Amino acid sequence: MSRRMPRSPRRVGRPTAGARAGEKVKDYPQLSVRVPPDIKTTVSALSKVRGTSQWHIITDAVECYFRDLPAAEQATVEEFVRKRSKRKER
């Protein structure tokens, strides 16, 4: 006779897939952009090859673009972000 270990109950549905632990993608603001067909195809292909979502590909691309900016432009962008965050807190 074999002993079975009690299983913990499985959660129904897919696990949360936000950028940070506990975040849900459905809670993120949406962004709509028009891109040339070849860019859309490239994003789709990258998503399939990397095994990740298209929003993650775009997020990574923006972060890489930001890191490649000169320090002065990075500081300017960060200042815009800070100002925007302060407005949302009000």
C-alpha atoms as a PDB file:
ATOM      1  CA  MET A   1       0.000   0.000   0.000  1.00  0.00           C
ATOM      2  CA  SER A   2       1.471   3.346  -1.023  1.00  0.00           C
ATOM      3  CA  ARG A   3       1.108   6.498   0.969  1.00  0.00           C
ATOM      4  CA  ARG A   4       0.004   9.581  -0.820  1.00  0.00           C
ATOM      5  CA  MET A   5       1.183  12.961   0.283  1.00  0.00           C
ATOM      6  CA  PRO A   6      -1.681  15.419   0.684  1.00  0.00           C
ATOM      7  CA  ARG A   7      -1.659  17.902  -2.136  1.00  0.00           C
ATOM      8  CA  SER A   8      -2.081  21.576  -1.639  1.00  0.00           C
ATOM      9  CA  PRO A   9      -5.090  22.854  -3.551  1.00  0.00           C
ATOM     10  CA  ARG A  10      -4.211  24.089  -7.025  1.00  0.00           C
ATOM     11  CA  ARG A  11      -5.241  27.557  -8.003  1.00  0.00           C
ATOM     12  CA  VAL A  12      -7.618  27.818 -10.899  1.00  0.00           C
ATOM     13  CA  GLY A  13      -6.479  29.629 -14.032  1.00  0.00           C
ATOM     14  CA  ARG A  14      -3.173  30.981 -15.150  1.00  0.00           C
ATOM     15  CA  PRO A  15      -0.652  32.431 -12.708  1.00  0.00           C
ATOM     16  CA  THR A  16      -0.290  36.201 -12.545  1.00  0.00           C
ATOM     17  CA  ALA A  17       2.042  37.450 -15.229  1.00  0.00           C
ATOM     18  CA  GLY A  18       2.914  40.994 -14.253  1.00  0.00           C
ATOM     19  CA  ALA A  19       6.370  42.505 -14.379  1.00  0.00           C
ATOM     20  CA  ARG A  20       6.670  42.267 -10.581  1.00  0.00           C
ATOM     21  CA  ALA A  21       5.453  39.690  -8.083  1.00  0.00           C
ATOM     22  CA  GLY A  22       1.724  39.904  -7.430  1.00  0.00           C
ATOM     23  CA  GLU A  23       0.987  42.294 -10.296  1.00  0.00           C
ATOM     24  CA  LYS A  24      -1.616  41.467 -12.904  1.00  0.00           C
ATOM     25  CA  VAL A  25      -1.213  42.506 -16.525  1.00  0.00           C
ATOM     26  CA  LYS A  26      -4.917  43.304 -16.734  1.00  0.00           C
ATOM     27  CA  ASP A  27      -4.359  46.048 -14.162  1.00  0.00           C
ATOM     28  CA  TYR A  28      -1.722  47.785 -16.307  1.00  0.00           C
ATOM     29  CA  PRO A  29      -2.742  50.777 -18.430  1.00  0.00           C
ATOM     30  CA  GLN A  30      -3.103  50.009 -22.110  1.00  0.00           C
ATOM     31  CA  LEU A  31      -1.061  51.587 -24.876  1.00  0.00           C
ATOM     32  CA  SER A  32      -2.049  51.505 -28.531  1.00  0.00           C
ATOM     33  CA  VAL A  33       0.476  52.291 -31.230  1.00  0.00           C
ATOM     34  CA  ARG A  34       0.549  51.927 -34.972  1.00  0.00           C
ATOM     35  CA  VAL A  35       3.658  50.256 -36.331  1.00  0.00           C
ATOM     36  CA  PRO A  36       4.711  49.101 -39.786  1.00  0.00           C
ATOM     37  CA  PRO A  37       3.722  45.507 -40.586  1.00  0.00           C
ATOM     38  CA  ASP A  38       7.340  44.267 -40.462  1.00  0.00           C
ATOM     39  CA  ILE A  39       7.766  45.572 -36.904  1.00  0.00           C
ATOM     40  CA  LYS A  40       4.538  43.860 -35.786  1.00  0.00           C
ATOM     41  CA  THR A  41       5.741  40.623 -37.402  1.00  0.00           C
ATOM     42  CA  THR A  42       9.145  40.970 -35.710  1.00  0.00           C
ATOM     43  CA  VAL A  43       7.572  41.521 -32.288  1.00  0.00           C
ATOM     44  CA  SER A  44       5.362  38.464 -32.818  1.00  0.00           C
ATOM     45  CA  ALA A  45       8.343  36.368 -33.912  1.00  0.00           C
ATOM     46  CA  LEU A  46      10.463  37.528 -30.957  1.00  0.00           C
ATOM     47  CA  SER A  47       7.598  36.635 -28.654  1.00  0.00           C
ATOM     48  CA  LYS A  48       7.391  33.109 -30.031  1.00  0.00           C
ATOM     49  CA  VAL A  49      11.162  32.515 -30.096  1.00  0.00           C
ATOM     50  CA  ARG A  50      11.678  33.882 -26.577  1.00  0.00           C
ATOM     51  CA  GLY A  51       8.549  32.217 -25.209  1.00  0.00           C
ATOM     52  CA  THR A  52       7.311  35.429 -23.651  1.00  0.00           C
ATOM     53  CA  SER A  53       4.450  37.837 -24.223  1.00  0.00           C
ATOM     54  CA  GLN A  54       4.528  40.698 -26.712  1.00  0.00           C
ATOM     55  CA  TRP A  55       4.093  43.264 -23.946  1.00  0.00           C
ATOM     56  CA  HIS A  56       7.245  41.890 -22.322  1.00  0.00           C
ATOM     57  CA  ILE A  57       9.202  42.242 -25.595  1.00  0.00           C
ATOM     58  CA  ILE A  58       8.101  45.880 -25.905  1.00  0.00           C
ATOM     59  CA  THR A  59       8.881  46.609 -22.242  1.00  0.00           C
ATOM     60  CA  ASP A  60      12.374  45.146 -22.605  1.00  0.00           C
ATOM     61  CA  ALA A  61      12.944  47.173 -25.779  1.00  0.00           C
ATOM     62  CA  VAL A  62      11.968  50.443 -24.061  1.00  0.00           C
ATOM     63  CA  GLU A  63      14.234  49.655 -21.100  1.00  0.00           C
ATOM     64  CA  CYS A  64      17.160  48.928 -23.470  1.00  0.00           C
ATOM     65  CA  TYR A  65      16.485  52.149 -25.365  1.00  0.00           C
ATOM     66  CA  PHE A  66      16.471  54.103 -22.105  1.00  0.00           C
ATOM     67  CA  ARG A  67      19.755  52.531 -20.943  1.00  0.00           C
ATOM     68  CA  ASP A  68      21.409  53.541 -24.231  1.00  0.00           C
ATOM     69  CA  LEU A  69      20.495  57.219 -23.823  1.00  0.00           C
ATOM     70  CA  PRO A  70      23.160  59.691 -22.722  1.00  0.00           C
ATOM     71  CA  ALA A  71      23.124  60.382 -18.972  1.00  0.00           C
ATOM     72  CA  ALA A  72      21.668  63.876 -19.451  1.00  0.00           C
ATOM     73  CA  GLU A  73      18.696  62.523 -21.424  1.00  0.00           C
ATOM     74  CA  GLN A  74      18.173  59.752 -18.875  1.00  0.00           C
ATOM     75  CA  ALA A  75      18.020  62.386 -16.130  1.00  0.00           C
ATOM     76  CA  THR A  76      15.475  64.395 -18.131  1.00  0.00           C
ATOM     77  CA  VAL A  77      13.280  61.331 -18.658  1.00  0.00           C
ATOM     78  CA  GLU A  78      13.521  60.435 -14.969  1.00  0.00           C
ATOM     79  CA  GLU A  79      12.467  63.978 -14.045  1.00  0.00           C
ATOM     80  CA  PHE A  80       9.390  63.702 -16.303  1.00  0.00           C
ATOM     81  CA  VAL A  81       8.525  60.380 -14.652  1.00  0.00           C
ATOM     82  CA  ARG A  82       8.905  61.862 -11.152  1.00  0.00           C
ATOM     83  CA  LYS A  83       6.679  64.823 -12.022  1.00  0.00           C
ATOM     84  CA  ARG A  84       4.070  62.513 -13.543  1.00  0.00           C
ATOM     85  CA  SER A  85       4.111  60.272 -10.460  1.00  0.00           C
ATOM     86  CA  LYS A  86       3.606  63.253  -8.144  1.00  0.00           C
ATOM     87  CA  ARG A  87       0.566  64.374 -10.171  1.00  0.00           C
ATOM     88  CA  LYS A  88      -1.004  60.915  -9.873  1.00  0.00           C
ATOM     89  CA  GLU A  89      -0.578  60.945  -6.069  1.00  0.00           C
ATOM     90  CA  ARG A  90      -2.688  64.090  -5.694  1.00  0.00           C
END
